[in-house]
PDB file of N, CA and C in Angstrom:
ATOM      1  N   MET A   1       0.795  -1.195   0.000  1.00  0.00           N
ATOM      2  CA  MET A   1       0.000   0.000   0.000  1.00  0.00           C
ATOM      3  C   MET A   1       0.842   1.266   0.000  1.00  0.00           C
ATOM      4  N   PHE A   2       1.959   1.255   0.711  1.00  0.00           N
ATOM      5  CA  PHE A   2       2.750   2.462   0.856  1.00  0.00           C
ATOM      6  C   PHE A   2       3.539   2.809  -0.397  1.00  0.00           C
ATOM      7  N   LEU A   3       3.689   1.897  -1.313  1.00  0.00           N
ATOM      8  CA  LEU A   3       4.484   2.160  -2.511  1.00  0.00           C
ATOM      9  C   LEU A   3       3.660   2.763  -3.641  1.00  0.00           C
ATOM     10  N   ILE A   4       2.371   2.746  -3.531  1.00  0.00           N
ATOM     11  CA  ILE A   4       1.525   3.216  -4.626  1.00  0.00           C
ATOM     12  C   ILE A   4       1.801   4.673  -4.999  1.00  0.00           C
ATOM     13  N   PRO A   5       1.906   5.627  -4.060  1.00  0.00           N
ATOM     14  CA  PRO A   5       2.197   7.015  -4.475  1.00  0.00           C
ATOM     15  C   PRO A   5       3.531   7.135  -5.216  1.00  0.00           C
ATOM     16  N   HIS A   6       4.518   6.355  -4.800  1.00  0.00           N
ATOM     17  CA  HIS A   6       5.815   6.393  -5.485  1.00  0.00           C
ATOM     18  C   HIS A   6       5.681   5.872  -6.912  1.00  0.00           C
ATOM     19  N   CYS A   7       4.899   4.823  -7.061  1.00  0.00           N
ATOM     20  CA  CYS A   7       4.698   4.259  -8.404  1.00  0.00           C
ATOM     21  C   CYS A   7       3.957   5.238  -9.305  1.00  0.00           C
ATOM     22  N   ILE A   8       2.988   5.922  -8.747  1.00  0.00           N
ATOM     23  CA  ILE A   8       2.247   6.924  -9.522  1.00  0.00           C
ATOM     24  C   ILE A   8       3.180   8.037  -9.966  1.00  0.00           C
ATOM     25  N   ALA A   9       4.010   8.535  -9.054  1.00  0.00           N
ATOM     26  CA  ALA A   9       4.939   9.619  -9.394  1.00  0.00           C
ATOM     27  C   ALA A   9       5.956   9.161 -10.431  1.00  0.00           C
ATOM     28  N   MET A  10       6.439   7.931 -10.304  1.00  0.00           N
ATOM     29  CA  MET A  10       7.410   7.419 -11.271  1.00  0.00           C
ATOM     30  C   MET A  10       6.768   7.287 -12.653  1.00  0.00           C
ATOM     31  N   GLY A  11       5.539   6.815 -12.690  1.00  0.00           N
ATOM     32  CA  GLY A  11       4.838   6.693 -13.966  1.00  0.00           C
ATOM     33  C   GLY A  11       4.594   8.047 -14.613  1.00  0.00           C
ATOM     34  N   GLN A  12       4.232   9.032 -13.790  1.00  0.00           N
ATOM     35  CA  GLN A  12       4.022  10.378 -14.324  1.00  0.00           C
ATOM     36  C   GLN A  12       5.325  10.942 -14.874  1.00  0.00           C
ATOM     37  N   ALA A  13       6.418  10.734 -14.144  1.00  0.00           N
ATOM     38  CA  ALA A  13       7.721  11.231 -14.604  1.00  0.00           C
ATOM     39  C   ALA A  13       8.139  10.548 -15.899  1.00  0.00           C
ATOM     40  N   ALA A  14       7.937   9.246 -15.987  1.00  0.00           N
ATOM     41  CA  ALA A  14       8.313   8.516 -17.199  1.00  0.00           C
ATOM     42  C   ALA A  14       7.481   8.968 -18.394  1.00  0.00           C
ATOM     43  N   GLY A  15       6.188   9.130 -18.175  1.00  0.00           N
ATOM     44  CA  GLY A  15       5.324   9.585 -19.260  1.00  0.00           C
ATOM     45  C   GLY A  15       5.645  10.997 -19.708  1.00  0.00           C
ATOM     46  N   THR A  16       5.926  11.865 -18.751  1.00  0.00           N
ATOM     47  CA  THR A  16       6.282  13.248 -19.073  1.00  0.00           C
ATOM     48  C   THR A  16       7.602  13.294 -19.822  1.00  0.00           C
ATOM     49  N   ALA A  17       8.565  12.506 -19.379  1.00  0.00           N
ATOM     50  CA  ALA A  17       9.861  12.455 -20.073  1.00  0.00           C
ATOM     51  C   ALA A  17       9.683  11.963 -21.504  1.00  0.00           C
ATOM     52  N   ALA A  18       8.851  10.940 -21.692  1.00  0.00           N
ATOM     53  CA  ALA A  18       8.611  10.419 -23.040  1.00  0.00           C
ATOM     54  C   ALA A  18       7.943  11.473 -23.925  1.00  0.00           C
ATOM     55  N   ALA A  19       6.955  12.173 -23.369  1.00  0.00           N
ATOM     56  CA  ALA A  19       6.261  13.196 -24.152  1.00  0.00           C
ATOM     57  C   ALA A  19       7.195  14.337 -24.533  1.00  0.00           C
ATOM     58  N   LEU A  20       8.015  14.782 -23.576  1.00  0.00           N
ATOM     59  CA  LEU A  20       8.959  15.859 -23.874  1.00  0.00           C
ATOM     60  C   LEU A  20       9.998  15.423 -24.904  1.00  0.00           C
ATOM     61  N   ALA A  21      10.410  14.164 -24.827  1.00  0.00           N
ATOM     62  CA  ALA A  21      11.389  13.653 -25.790  1.00  0.00           C
ATOM     63  C   ALA A  21      10.797  13.631 -27.196  1.00  0.00           C
ATOM     64  N   VAL A  22       9.549  13.188 -27.312  1.00  0.00           N
ATOM     65  CA  VAL A  22       8.893  13.165 -28.626  1.00  0.00           C
ATOM     66  C   VAL A  22       8.753  14.586 -29.166  1.00  0.00           C
ATOM     67  N   GLN A  23       8.319  15.506 -28.307  1.00  0.00           N
ATOM     68  CA  GLN A  23       8.155  16.903 -28.736  1.00  0.00           C
ATOM     69  C   GLN A  23       9.488  17.508 -29.169  1.00  0.00           C
ATOM     70  N   GLY A  24      10.568  17.119 -28.485  1.00  0.00           N
ATOM     71  CA  GLY A  24      11.879  17.677 -28.799  1.00  0.00           C
ATOM     72  C   GLY A  24      12.662  16.883 -29.823  1.00  0.00           C
ATOM     73  N   GLY A  25      12.114  15.747 -30.281  1.00  0.00           N
ATOM     74  CA  GLY A  25      12.798  14.918 -31.268  1.00  0.00           C
ATOM     75  C   GLY A  25      14.097  14.325 -30.734  1.00  0.00           C
ATOM     76  N   THR A  26      14.102  13.925 -29.463  1.00  0.00           N
ATOM     77  CA  THR A  26      15.308  13.389 -28.841  1.00  0.00           C
ATOM     78  C   THR A  26      14.974  12.137 -28.028  1.00  0.00           C
ATOM     79  N   GLU A  27      15.983  11.504 -27.521  1.00  0.00           N
ATOM     80  CA  GLU A  27      15.805  10.349 -26.652  1.00  0.00           C
ATOM     81  C   GLU A  27      15.577  10.834 -25.223  1.00  0.00           C
ATOM     82  N   PRO A  28      14.747  10.129 -24.442  1.00  0.00           N
ATOM     83  CA  PRO A  28      14.532  10.545 -23.053  1.00  0.00           C
ATOM     84  C   PRO A  28      15.827  10.656 -22.253  1.00  0.00           C
ATOM     85  N   ARG A  29      16.791   9.791 -22.505  1.00  0.00           N
ATOM     86  CA  ARG A  29      18.047   9.841 -21.744  1.00  0.00           C
ATOM     87  C   ARG A  29      18.880  11.079 -22.060  1.00  0.00           C
ATOM     88  N   GLU A  30      18.585  11.750 -23.173  1.00  0.00           N
ATOM     89  CA  GLU A  30      19.328  12.949 -23.556  1.00  0.00           C
ATOM     90  C   GLU A  30      18.644  14.231 -23.066  1.00  0.00           C
ATOM     91  N   MET A  31      17.521  14.064 -22.379  1.00  0.00           N
ATOM     92  CA  MET A  31      16.737  15.211 -21.944  1.00  0.00           C
ATOM     93  C   MET A  31      17.416  15.971 -20.809  1.00  0.00           C
ATOM     94  N   ASP A  32      17.200  17.262 -20.800  1.00  0.00           N
ATOM     95  CA  ASP A  32      17.679  18.116 -19.710  1.00  0.00           C
ATOM     96  C   ASP A  32      16.798  17.839 -18.489  1.00  0.00           C
ATOM     97  N   VAL A  33      17.395  17.345 -17.411  1.00  0.00           N
ATOM     98  CA  VAL A  33      16.650  16.966 -16.220  1.00  0.00           C
ATOM     99  C   VAL A  33      15.920  18.162 -15.608  1.00  0.00           C
ATOM    100  N   VAL A  34      16.516  19.334 -15.676  1.00  0.00           N
ATOM    101  CA  VAL A  34      15.884  20.529 -15.107  1.00  0.00           C
ATOM    102  C   VAL A  34      14.585  20.842 -15.846  1.00  0.00           C
ATOM    103  N   VAL A  35      14.572  20.676 -17.158  1.00  0.00           N
ATOM    104  CA  VAL A  35      13.348  20.899 -17.942  1.00  0.00           C
ATOM    105  C   VAL A  35      12.267  19.911 -17.489  1.00  0.00           C
ATOM    106  N   LEU A  36      12.644  18.654 -17.310  1.00  0.00           N
ATOM    107  CA  LEU A  36      11.697  17.639 -16.846  1.00  0.00           C
ATOM    108  C   LEU A  36      11.187  17.989 -15.453  1.00  0.00           C
ATOM    109  N   GLN A  37      12.068  18.381 -14.549  1.00  0.00           N
ATOM    110  CA  GLN A  37      11.658  18.738 -13.192  1.00  0.00           C
ATOM    111  C   GLN A  37      10.701  19.926 -13.195  1.00  0.00           C
ATOM    112  N   LYS A  38      10.981  20.925 -14.009  1.00  0.00           N
ATOM    113  CA  LYS A  38      10.091  22.084 -14.084  1.00  0.00           C
ATOM    114  C   LYS A  38       8.716  21.676 -14.591  1.00  0.00           C
ATOM    115  N   GLN A  39       8.676  20.813 -15.591  1.00  0.00           N
ATOM    116  CA  GLN A  39       7.398  20.352 -16.128  1.00  0.00           C
ATOM    117  C   GLN A  39       6.611  19.574 -15.067  1.00  0.00           C
ATOM    118  N   LEU A  40       7.304  18.717 -14.325  1.00  0.00           N
ATOM    119  CA  LEU A  40       6.636  17.946 -13.275  1.00  0.00           C
ATOM    120  C   LEU A  40       6.111  18.868 -12.172  1.00  0.00           C
ATOM    121  N   LEU A  41       6.877  19.882 -11.805  1.00  0.00           N
ATOM    122  CA  LEU A  41       6.407  20.843 -10.809  1.00  0.00           C
ATOM    123  C   LEU A  41       5.172  21.584 -11.312  1.00  0.00           C
ATOM    124  N   ASP A  42       5.167  21.946 -12.595  1.00  0.00           N
ATOM    125  CA  ASP A  42       4.003  22.613 -13.185  1.00  0.00           C
ATOM    126  C   ASP A  42       2.770  21.716 -13.142  1.00  0.00           C
ATOM    127  N   GLN A  43       2.988  20.402 -13.175  1.00  0.00           N
ATOM    128  CA  GLN A  43       1.891  19.435 -13.111  1.00  0.00           C
ATOM    129  C   GLN A  43       1.462  19.150 -11.674  1.00  0.00           C
ATOM    130  N   GLY A  44       2.172  19.745 -10.707  1.00  0.00           N
ATOM    131  CA  GLY A  44       1.799  19.562  -9.306  1.00  0.00           C
ATOM    132  C   GLY A  44       2.467  18.391  -8.620  1.00  0.00           C
ATOM    133  N   VAL A  45       3.460  17.797  -9.264  1.00  0.00           N
ATOM    134  CA  VAL A  45       4.174  16.676  -8.656  1.00  0.00           C
ATOM    135  C   VAL A  45       5.113  17.208  -7.576  1.00  0.00           C
ATOM    136  N   LEU A  46       5.106  16.570  -6.411  1.00  0.00           N
ATOM    137  CA  LEU A  46       6.009  16.952  -5.331  1.00  0.00           C
ATOM    138  C   LEU A  46       7.324  16.227  -5.524  1.00  0.00           C
ATOM    139  N   LEU A  47       8.396  16.980  -5.677  1.00  0.00           N
ATOM    140  CA  LEU A  47       9.712  16.396  -5.887  1.00  0.00           C
ATOM    141  C   LEU A  47      10.557  16.587  -4.645  1.00  0.00           C
ATOM    142  N   ARG A  48      11.172  15.508  -4.186  1.00  0.00           N
ATOM    143  CA  ARG A  48      12.085  15.605  -3.048  1.00  0.00           C
ATOM    144  C   ARG A  48      13.474  15.915  -3.577  1.00  0.00           C
ATOM    145  N   GLY A  49      14.228  16.710  -2.828  1.00  0.00           N
ATOM    146  CA  GLY A  49      15.596  17.012  -3.215  1.00  0.00           C
ATOM    147  C   GLY A  49      15.696  17.857  -4.466  1.00  0.00           C
ATOM    148  N   ARG A  50      14.704  18.710  -4.672  1.00  0.00           N
ATOM    149  CA  ARG A  50      14.720  19.547  -5.874  1.00  0.00           C
ATOM    150  C   ARG A  50      15.894  20.502  -5.852  1.00  0.00           C
ATOM    151  N   ILE A  51      16.267  20.944  -7.024  1.00  0.00           N
ATOM    152  CA  ILE A  51      17.275  21.985  -7.156  1.00  0.00           C
ATOM    153  C   ILE A  51      16.696  23.267  -6.572  1.00  0.00           C
ATOM    154  N   ARG A  52      17.472  23.946  -5.754  1.00  0.00           N
ATOM    155  CA  ARG A  52      16.981  25.125  -5.042  1.00  0.00           C
ATOM    156  C   ARG A  52      16.354  26.151  -5.985  1.00  0.00           C
ATOM    157  N   SER A  53      16.917  26.337  -7.172  1.00  0.00           N
ATOM    158  CA  SER A  53      16.408  27.348  -8.096  1.00  0.00           C
ATOM    159  C   SER A  53      15.024  27.000  -8.628  1.00  0.00           C
ATOM    160  N   LEU A  54      14.598  25.738  -8.490  1.00  0.00           N
ATOM    161  CA  LEU A  54      13.288  25.329  -8.980  1.00  0.00           C
ATOM    162  C   LEU A  54      12.188  25.575  -7.964  1.00  0.00           C
ATOM    163  N   ARG A  55      12.554  25.796  -6.721  1.00  0.00           N
ATOM    164  CA  ARG A  55      11.549  25.972  -5.678  1.00  0.00           C
ATOM    165  C   ARG A  55      10.749  27.242  -5.905  1.00  0.00           C
ATOM    166  N   GLN A  56       9.472  27.118  -5.692  1.00  0.00           N
ATOM    167  CA  GLN A  56       8.585  28.256  -5.816  1.00  0.00           C
ATOM    168  C   GLN A  56       7.936  28.458  -4.457  1.00  0.00           C
ATOM    169  N   PRO A  57       8.423  29.416  -3.659  1.00  0.00           N
ATOM    170  CA  PRO A  57       7.952  29.585  -2.287  1.00  0.00           C
ATOM    171  C   PRO A  57       6.444  29.739  -2.150  1.00  0.00           C
ATOM    172  N   ASP A  58       5.788  30.321  -3.125  1.00  0.00           N
ATOM    173  CA  ASP A  58       4.348  30.520  -3.015  1.00  0.00           C
ATOM    174  C   ASP A  58       3.568  29.219  -3.135  1.00  0.00           C
ATOM    175  N   ARG A  59       4.215  28.139  -3.551  1.00  0.00           N
ATOM    176  CA  ARG A  59       3.517  26.859  -3.703  1.00  0.00           C
ATOM    177  C   ARG A  59       3.575  26.028  -2.433  1.00  0.00           C
ATOM    178  N   PHE A  60       4.450  26.376  -1.488  1.00  0.00           N
ATOM    179  CA  PHE A  60       4.611  25.532  -0.309  1.00  0.00           C
ATOM    180  C   PHE A  60       4.426  26.318   0.948  1.00  0.00           C
TER     181      PHE A  60
END
């Protein structure tokens, strides 16, 4: 039961990475991680250990 939120977040990250890769005409492994993290934050995903510059104080 406790792993379900992690699985959901991982699936969302994988799907978002795949979509961004298709849009950018690149492989997911070549993607800029910061771009992926920003997109996930825009989708409301809570990321642990985020890069300080990505934090948006008004959201937390």
